[in-house]
Amino acid sequence: MRLTTKGRYGVRALINLAAAVKGQPVSISKIAAVEGISPEFLEQIFFKLKKSGLIRSLRGPKGGFLLDKDPALISIKDILDAVGEPVFPTP
């Protein structure tokens, strides 16, 4: 399977959220710094992930993003579908 940049970044960002302390929101800027991803590009990806129901946001000084589902129930295909990336086999 071949992943595009958007798909890889979406997977890495959700892994980062899954590894976060339970109940503690994580900001886009923190994830971007840890993962070496452009915050602007990550913001576009998070918009799609939020729209699909995989993540949710909390506003305020201690706000950020949290997984909206149990990590065990989220597949890589769910993430790729959310960010609009096709899944196809490669030779």
N, C-alpha and C. Protein backbone atom coordinates (compact mmCIF):
# COMPACT_ATOMS: atom_id res chain seq x y z
N MET A 1 0.86 -1.18 0.00
CA MET A 1 0.00 0.00 0.00
C MET A 1 0.90 1.24 0.00
N ARG A 2 0.53 2.20 -0.79
CA ARG A 2 1.27 3.44 -0.88
C ARG A 2 0.47 4.54 -0.21
N LEU A 3 1.12 5.27 0.70
CA LEU A 3 0.45 6.37 1.38
C LEU A 3 0.96 7.70 0.84
N THR A 4 0.05 8.62 0.64
CA THR A 4 0.44 9.97 0.24
C THR A 4 0.92 10.72 1.48
N THR A 5 1.47 11.89 1.27
CA THR A 5 1.93 12.71 2.39
C THR A 5 0.78 13.04 3.33
N LYS A 6 -0.36 13.40 2.77
CA LYS A 6 -1.52 13.74 3.60
C LYS A 6 -1.96 12.53 4.43
N GLY A 7 -1.96 11.37 3.83
CA GLY A 7 -2.33 10.15 4.55
C GLY A 7 -1.34 9.81 5.65
N ARG A 8 -0.05 9.90 5.36
CA ARG A 8 0.99 9.64 6.37
C ARG A 8 0.88 10.60 7.53
N TYR A 9 0.71 11.88 7.24
CA TYR A 9 0.61 12.88 8.30
C TYR A 9 -0.64 12.66 9.15
N GLY A 10 -1.74 12.28 8.52
CA GLY A 10 -2.96 12.00 9.26
C GLY A 10 -2.77 10.83 10.22
N VAL A 11 -2.12 9.78 9.75
CA VAL A 11 -1.86 8.61 10.59
C VAL A 11 -0.93 8.99 11.74
N ARG A 12 0.15 9.71 11.43
CA ARG A 12 1.10 10.11 12.48
C ARG A 12 0.45 11.01 13.53
N ALA A 13 -0.40 11.92 13.09
CA ALA A 13 -1.06 12.83 14.02
C ALA A 13 -2.01 12.07 14.95
N LEU A 14 -2.75 11.10 14.40
CA LEU A 14 -3.67 10.34 15.25
C LEU A 14 -2.91 9.42 16.20
N ILE A 15 -1.79 8.90 15.79
CA ILE A 15 -0.96 8.10 16.71
C ILE A 15 -0.48 9.00 17.84
N ASN A 16 -0.11 10.22 17.52
CA ASN A 16 0.33 11.17 18.54
C ASN A 16 -0.81 11.46 19.53
N LEU A 17 -2.01 11.65 19.03
CA LEU A 17 -3.16 11.90 19.90
C LEU A 17 -3.47 10.67 20.76
N ALA A 18 -3.35 9.49 20.18
CA ALA A 18 -3.62 8.26 20.93
C ALA A 18 -2.60 8.06 22.05
N ALA A 19 -1.38 8.52 21.85
CA ALA A 19 -0.33 8.37 22.85
C ALA A 19 -0.40 9.44 23.94
N ALA A 20 -1.20 10.47 23.72
CA ALA A 20 -1.30 11.56 24.70
C ALA A 20 -1.96 11.06 25.98
N VAL A 21 -1.72 11.78 27.04
CA VAL A 21 -2.34 11.45 28.32
C VAL A 21 -3.86 11.51 28.17
N LYS A 22 -4.54 10.49 28.63
CA LYS A 22 -6.01 10.42 28.50
C LYS A 22 -6.68 11.68 29.06
N GLY A 23 -7.51 12.29 28.23
CA GLY A 23 -8.25 13.46 28.66
C GLY A 23 -7.50 14.78 28.51
N GLN A 24 -6.26 14.73 28.08
CA GLN A 24 -5.47 15.95 27.91
C GLN A 24 -5.43 16.33 26.43
N PRO A 25 -6.03 17.45 26.07
CA PRO A 25 -6.00 17.88 24.67
C PRO A 25 -4.58 18.25 24.24
N VAL A 26 -4.31 18.05 22.95
CA VAL A 26 -3.00 18.35 22.38
C VAL A 26 -3.20 19.38 21.28
N SER A 27 -2.37 20.42 21.27
CA SER A 27 -2.52 21.48 20.26
C SER A 27 -1.88 21.05 18.94
N ILE A 28 -2.37 21.66 17.87
CA ILE A 28 -1.80 21.40 16.55
C ILE A 28 -0.33 21.79 16.52
N SER A 29 0.00 22.92 17.16
CA SER A 29 1.40 23.37 17.12
C SER A 29 2.32 22.37 17.82
N LYS A 30 1.86 21.74 18.89
CA LYS A 30 2.68 20.75 19.58
C LYS A 30 2.88 19.51 18.71
N ILE A 31 1.81 19.02 18.12
CA ILE A 31 1.92 17.85 17.24
C ILE A 31 2.81 18.17 16.05
N ALA A 32 2.63 19.36 15.47
CA ALA A 32 3.42 19.76 14.31
C ALA A 32 4.91 19.79 14.66
N ALA A 33 5.24 20.32 15.83
CA ALA A 33 6.64 20.39 16.25
C ALA A 33 7.23 19.00 16.48
N VAL A 34 6.48 18.14 17.16
CA VAL A 34 6.96 16.79 17.46
C VAL A 34 7.12 15.97 16.19
N GLU A 35 6.17 16.08 15.28
CA GLU A 35 6.17 15.26 14.07
C GLU A 35 6.91 15.90 12.89
N GLY A 36 7.30 17.17 13.02
CA GLY A 36 7.99 17.84 11.91
C GLY A 36 7.08 18.11 10.73
N ILE A 37 5.85 18.50 11.02
CA ILE A 37 4.83 18.75 10.00
C ILE A 37 4.48 20.23 10.03
N SER A 38 4.18 20.81 8.89
CA SER A 38 3.73 22.19 8.81
C SER A 38 2.42 22.35 9.57
N PRO A 39 2.33 23.30 10.52
CA PRO A 39 1.07 23.49 11.26
C PRO A 39 -0.11 23.83 10.36
N GLU A 40 0.14 24.57 9.30
CA GLU A 40 -0.94 24.94 8.39
C GLU A 40 -1.49 23.71 7.66
N PHE A 41 -0.59 22.82 7.22
CA PHE A 41 -1.02 21.61 6.54
C PHE A 41 -1.74 20.68 7.52
N LEU A 42 -1.22 20.59 8.73
CA LEU A 42 -1.84 19.75 9.75
C LEU A 42 -3.23 20.27 10.11
N GLU A 43 -3.40 21.58 10.10
CA GLU A 43 -4.70 22.18 10.38
C GLU A 43 -5.73 21.74 9.34
N GLN A 44 -5.34 21.68 8.07
CA GLN A 44 -6.23 21.22 7.01
C GLN A 44 -6.62 19.76 7.22
N ILE A 45 -5.65 18.95 7.62
CA ILE A 45 -5.91 17.53 7.87
C ILE A 45 -6.84 17.36 9.07
N PHE A 46 -6.59 18.14 10.14
CA PHE A 46 -7.43 18.03 11.33
C PHE A 46 -8.86 18.47 11.06
N PHE A 47 -9.06 19.43 10.17
CA PHE A 47 -10.41 19.84 9.80
C PHE A 47 -11.17 18.64 9.24
N LYS A 48 -10.53 17.85 8.39
CA LYS A 48 -11.16 16.67 7.80
C LYS A 48 -11.37 15.57 8.83
N LEU A 49 -10.39 15.38 9.70
CA LEU A 49 -10.52 14.35 10.74
C LEU A 49 -11.65 14.69 11.70
N LYS A 50 -11.79 15.97 12.01
CA LYS A 50 -12.87 16.42 12.91
C LYS A 50 -14.22 16.23 12.24
N LYS A 51 -14.31 16.59 10.97
CA LYS A 51 -15.56 16.47 10.22
C LYS A 51 -16.00 15.01 10.14
N SER A 52 -15.04 14.09 10.10
CA SER A 52 -15.37 12.67 10.00
C SER A 52 -15.69 12.04 11.35
N GLY A 53 -15.48 12.78 12.44
CA GLY A 53 -15.82 12.27 13.77
C GLY A 53 -14.71 11.48 14.45
N LEU A 54 -13.50 11.51 13.90
CA LEU A 54 -12.40 10.79 14.54
C LEU A 54 -11.78 11.57 15.70
N ILE A 55 -11.83 12.90 15.60
CA ILE A 55 -11.27 13.74 16.66
C ILE A 55 -12.28 14.82 17.03
N ARG A 56 -12.05 15.46 18.16
CA ARG A 56 -12.87 16.61 18.55
C ARG A 56 -11.93 17.66 19.12
N SER A 57 -12.41 18.87 19.20
CA SER A 57 -11.58 19.96 19.69
C SER A 57 -12.17 20.56 20.96
N LEU A 58 -11.29 21.10 21.76
CA LEU A 58 -11.68 21.85 22.95
C LEU A 58 -11.08 23.23 22.84
N ARG A 59 -11.88 24.25 23.07
CA ARG A 59 -11.40 25.63 23.00
C ARG A 59 -10.88 26.08 24.34
N GLY A 60 -10.14 27.17 24.30
CA GLY A 60 -9.67 27.77 25.54
C GLY A 60 -8.17 27.65 25.71
N PRO A 61 -7.65 28.22 26.79
CA PRO A 61 -6.20 28.24 27.00
C PRO A 61 -5.58 26.86 27.11
N LYS A 62 -6.33 25.88 27.61
CA LYS A 62 -5.81 24.52 27.71
C LYS A 62 -6.46 23.62 26.67
N GLY A 63 -6.92 24.23 25.59
CA GLY A 63 -7.62 23.49 24.54
C GLY A 63 -6.69 22.76 23.61
N GLY A 64 -7.28 22.09 22.67
CA GLY A 64 -6.54 21.32 21.69
C GLY A 64 -7.45 20.26 21.11
N PHE A 65 -6.85 19.16 20.71
CA PHE A 65 -7.61 18.08 20.07
C PHE A 65 -7.48 16.80 20.86
N LEU A 66 -8.55 16.02 20.81
CA LEU A 66 -8.63 14.71 21.46
C LEU A 66 -9.23 13.72 20.47
N LEU A 67 -8.92 12.44 20.66
CA LEU A 67 -9.60 11.42 19.88
C LEU A 67 -11.05 11.38 20.33
N ASP A 68 -11.95 11.20 19.39
CA ASP A 68 -13.36 11.13 19.72
C ASP A 68 -13.86 9.69 19.74
N LYS A 69 -12.96 8.75 19.47
CA LYS A 69 -13.28 7.32 19.49
C LYS A 69 -12.17 6.60 20.23
N ASP A 70 -12.46 5.41 20.67
CA ASP A 70 -11.45 4.56 21.27
C ASP A 70 -10.39 4.26 20.20
N PRO A 71 -9.11 4.44 20.51
CA PRO A 71 -8.06 4.20 19.51
C PRO A 71 -8.11 2.79 18.92
N ALA A 72 -8.55 1.82 19.70
CA ALA A 72 -8.63 0.44 19.21
C ALA A 72 -9.67 0.28 18.10
N LEU A 73 -10.58 1.23 18.00
CA LEU A 73 -11.65 1.15 17.00
C LEU A 73 -11.34 1.95 15.74
N ILE A 74 -10.20 2.62 15.70
CA ILE A 74 -9.83 3.44 14.55
C ILE A 74 -8.82 2.68 13.70
N SER A 75 -9.17 2.45 12.45
CA SER A 75 -8.24 1.77 11.54
C SER A 75 -7.52 2.79 10.65
N ILE A 76 -6.46 2.35 10.05
CA ILE A 76 -5.73 3.23 9.12
C ILE A 76 -6.65 3.60 7.96
N LYS A 77 -7.48 2.67 7.53
CA LYS A 77 -8.43 2.97 6.45
C LYS A 77 -9.39 4.08 6.87
N ASP A 78 -9.84 4.07 8.13
CA ASP A 78 -10.71 5.14 8.62
C ASP A 78 -10.03 6.50 8.48
N ILE A 79 -8.76 6.55 8.84
CA ILE A 79 -7.99 7.80 8.78
C ILE A 79 -7.83 8.25 7.33
N LEU A 80 -7.45 7.31 6.46
CA LEU A 80 -7.26 7.65 5.05
C LEU A 80 -8.56 8.09 4.39
N ASP A 81 -9.65 7.43 4.73
CA ASP A 81 -10.96 7.85 4.20
C ASP A 81 -11.30 9.26 4.67
N ALA A 82 -11.01 9.55 5.93
CA ALA A 82 -11.33 10.86 6.51
C ALA A 82 -10.57 11.99 5.82
N VAL A 83 -9.30 11.75 5.50
CA VAL A 83 -8.50 12.81 4.87
C VAL A 83 -8.66 12.81 3.35
N GLY A 84 -9.46 11.89 2.83
CA GLY A 84 -9.76 11.88 1.39
C GLY A 84 -8.68 11.25 0.54
N GLU A 85 -7.97 10.29 1.10
CA GLU A 85 -6.91 9.62 0.35
C GLU A 85 -7.36 8.21 -0.04
N PRO A 86 -7.17 7.85 -1.30
CA PRO A 86 -7.60 6.51 -1.73
C PRO A 86 -6.63 5.45 -1.22
N VAL A 87 -7.16 4.24 -1.08
CA VAL A 87 -6.34 3.10 -0.68
C VAL A 87 -6.29 2.18 -1.89
N PHE A 88 -5.07 1.91 -2.35
CA PHE A 88 -4.93 1.00 -3.47
C PHE A 88 -3.61 0.26 -3.33
N PRO A 89 -3.58 -1.00 -3.78
CA PRO A 89 -2.35 -1.79 -3.67
C PRO A 89 -1.32 -1.32 -4.69
N THR A 90 -0.07 -1.55 -4.36
CA THR A 90 1.00 -1.26 -5.31
C THR A 90 1.74 -2.55 -5.61
N PRO A 91 2.31 -2.63 -6.79
CA PRO A 91 3.03 -3.87 -7.14
C PRO A 91 4.29 -4.06 -6.31
